[in-house]
């Protein structure tokens, strides 16, 4: 799972590296080249082409880190793209950070409700299991 806090230090790339190959990013982030091409098709990253090779910038690397972080906490690619697109608003990321904070809080609420629902379902299944176990014991099975 990609660390959410580390995602906000996504621009921190190796100091001596401004460009990355598909192999570099696949290895660093534990994803496949196919995954990177998929994110490119979805306009989440935009490597430049050098012949047959895709060359990723520090910006692409940072965006990829945000995408993976967002997916790991349950955001859809559309939600992630909307937050990423706010980076270019030109206000020093203030809008992006405010929107991200709001979305994070909404996601916390959504996940908290899901946890309650799951806990309730587990409790029901445990009660049903106890009843079925009792019935089986009563029948000598």
Protein backbone atom coordinates (compact mmCIF):
# COMPACT_ATOMS: atom_id res chain seq x y z
CA UNK A 1 0.00 0.00 0.00
CA UNK A 2 1.32 3.41 -0.89
CA UNK A 3 1.76 5.75 2.02
CA UNK A 4 -0.69 8.66 1.93
CA UNK A 5 1.66 11.06 3.70
CA UNK A 6 4.53 10.13 1.41
CA UNK A 7 2.23 10.94 -1.48
CA UNK A 8 2.36 14.59 -0.49
CA UNK A 9 6.12 14.53 -0.79
CA UNK A 10 5.73 13.05 -4.24
CA UNK A 11 8.02 15.53 -5.93
CA UNK A 12 10.93 14.12 -3.93
CA UNK A 13 12.68 12.09 -6.60
CA UNK A 14 16.27 10.98 -6.69
CA UNK A 15 18.20 14.26 -6.67
CA UNK A 16 20.29 13.41 -9.70
CA UNK A 17 17.44 12.18 -11.86
CA UNK A 18 15.08 14.29 -13.94
CA UNK A 19 13.92 11.60 -16.36
CA UNK A 20 12.76 8.05 -15.85
CA UNK A 21 12.13 5.09 -18.11
CA UNK A 22 9.04 2.94 -17.92
CA UNK A 23 11.24 0.28 -16.31
CA UNK A 24 12.48 2.76 -13.67
CA UNK A 25 8.97 3.71 -12.57
CA UNK A 26 7.58 0.19 -12.80
CA UNK A 27 10.36 -1.05 -10.54
CA UNK A 28 10.17 1.88 -8.09
CA UNK A 29 6.41 1.70 -7.62
CA UNK A 30 5.88 -2.02 -8.05
CA UNK A 31 3.54 -1.68 -11.03
CA UNK A 32 3.63 -3.15 -14.50
CA UNK A 33 4.50 -1.35 -17.70
CA UNK A 34 0.94 -2.10 -18.78
CA UNK A 35 -0.34 -0.17 -15.72
CA UNK A 36 1.79 2.83 -16.68
CA UNK A 37 0.51 2.72 -20.25
CA UNK A 38 -3.08 2.50 -18.91
CA UNK A 39 -2.52 5.62 -16.77
CA UNK A 40 -1.09 7.33 -19.84
CA UNK A 41 -4.21 6.40 -21.86
CA UNK A 42 -6.32 7.91 -19.06
CA UNK A 43 -4.26 11.16 -19.28
CA UNK A 44 -3.03 10.82 -15.71
CA UNK A 45 0.60 10.88 -16.81
CA UNK A 46 2.06 12.18 -20.06
CA UNK A 47 5.52 10.86 -20.89
CA UNK A 48 7.26 12.16 -23.95
CA UNK A 49 8.30 9.78 -26.69
CA UNK A 50 11.89 9.20 -27.74
CA UNK A 51 11.50 6.80 -30.65
CA UNK A 52 9.83 3.73 -29.15
CA UNK A 53 10.73 4.72 -25.57
CA UNK A 54 8.54 6.58 -23.11
CA UNK A 55 10.46 9.11 -21.05
CA UNK A 56 8.80 10.19 -17.81
CA UNK A 57 9.54 13.51 -16.11
CA UNK A 58 9.71 14.28 -12.40
CA UNK A 59 6.16 15.64 -12.81
CA UNK A 60 4.99 12.33 -14.29
CA UNK A 61 6.65 10.51 -11.39
CA UNK A 62 4.91 12.77 -8.86
CA UNK A 63 1.55 12.33 -10.59
CA UNK A 64 2.02 8.55 -10.63
CA UNK A 65 2.73 8.59 -6.92
CA UNK A 66 -0.47 10.58 -6.31
CA UNK A 67 -2.47 8.17 -8.49
CA UNK A 68 -1.21 5.11 -6.62
CA UNK A 69 -1.73 6.77 -3.25
CA UNK A 70 -5.26 7.78 -4.19
CA UNK A 71 -6.16 4.32 -5.47
CA UNK A 72 -4.79 2.72 -2.31
CA UNK A 73 -7.29 4.66 -0.18
CA UNK A 74 -10.28 4.06 -2.45
CA UNK A 75 -10.47 7.05 -4.79
CA UNK A 76 -11.60 6.44 -8.37
CA UNK A 77 -9.35 7.46 -11.24
CA UNK A 78 -11.82 10.22 -12.09
CA UNK A 79 -11.59 11.62 -8.54
CA UNK A 80 -7.80 11.42 -8.67
CA UNK A 81 -7.66 13.16 -12.05
CA UNK A 82 -9.90 15.97 -10.77
CA UNK A 83 -7.55 16.56 -7.84
CA UNK A 84 -4.44 16.34 -10.03
CA UNK A 85 -5.86 18.76 -12.58
CA UNK A 86 -6.12 21.41 -9.86
CA UNK A 87 -2.31 21.47 -9.64
CA UNK A 88 -2.19 23.70 -12.71
CA UNK A 89 -4.60 26.33 -11.33
CA UNK A 90 -1.60 28.55 -10.55
CA UNK A 91 -2.26 29.45 -6.92
CA UNK A 92 0.64 27.60 -5.37
CA UNK A 93 -1.46 24.45 -4.91
CA UNK A 94 -3.80 26.12 -2.40
CA UNK A 95 -6.92 25.10 -4.33
CA UNK A 96 -5.56 21.59 -4.91
CA UNK A 97 -4.74 21.12 -1.24
CA UNK A 98 -8.11 22.47 -0.06
CA UNK A 99 -10.02 20.23 -2.47
CA UNK A 100 -7.84 17.25 -1.51
CA UNK A 101 -8.51 17.88 2.18
CA UNK A 102 -12.25 17.97 1.56
CA UNK A 103 -12.12 14.78 -0.49
CA UNK A 104 -9.99 13.08 2.17
CA UNK A 105 -12.55 13.93 4.83
CA UNK A 106 -15.39 12.67 2.62
CA UNK A 107 -13.47 9.43 2.01
CA UNK A 108 -12.85 9.02 5.75
CA UNK A 109 -16.61 9.35 6.35
CA UNK A 110 -17.39 6.87 3.56
CA UNK A 111 -14.84 4.32 4.81
CA UNK A 112 -15.99 4.75 8.42
CA UNK A 113 -19.56 3.96 7.35
CA UNK A 114 -18.35 0.96 5.38
CA UNK A 115 -16.47 -0.27 8.46
CA UNK A 116 -19.65 0.04 10.54
CA UNK A 117 -21.59 -1.87 7.88
CA UNK A 118 -18.92 -4.58 7.76
CA UNK A 119 -18.81 -4.86 11.56
CA UNK A 120 -22.60 -5.21 11.59
CA UNK A 121 -22.49 -7.91 8.89
CA UNK A 122 -19.76 -9.81 10.76
CA UNK A 123 -21.77 -9.69 13.98
CA UNK A 124 -24.84 -11.04 12.15
CA UNK A 125 -22.81 -13.84 10.58
CA UNK A 126 -21.26 -14.73 13.94
CA UNK A 127 -24.75 -14.95 15.52
CA UNK A 128 -26.05 -17.04 12.62
CA UNK A 129 -22.98 -19.30 12.85
CA UNK A 130 -23.63 -19.87 16.56
CA UNK A 131 -27.28 -20.77 15.87
CA UNK A 132 -26.33 -23.17 13.06
CA UNK A 133 -23.58 -24.73 15.21
CA UNK A 134 -26.10 -25.24 18.02
CA UNK A 135 -28.59 -26.87 15.64
CA UNK A 136 -25.89 -29.18 14.26
CA UNK A 137 -24.84 -30.20 17.80
CA UNK A 138 -28.48 -30.87 18.73
CA UNK A 139 -28.73 -33.20 15.73
CA UNK A 140 -25.47 -34.97 16.66
CA UNK A 141 -23.67 -33.79 13.55
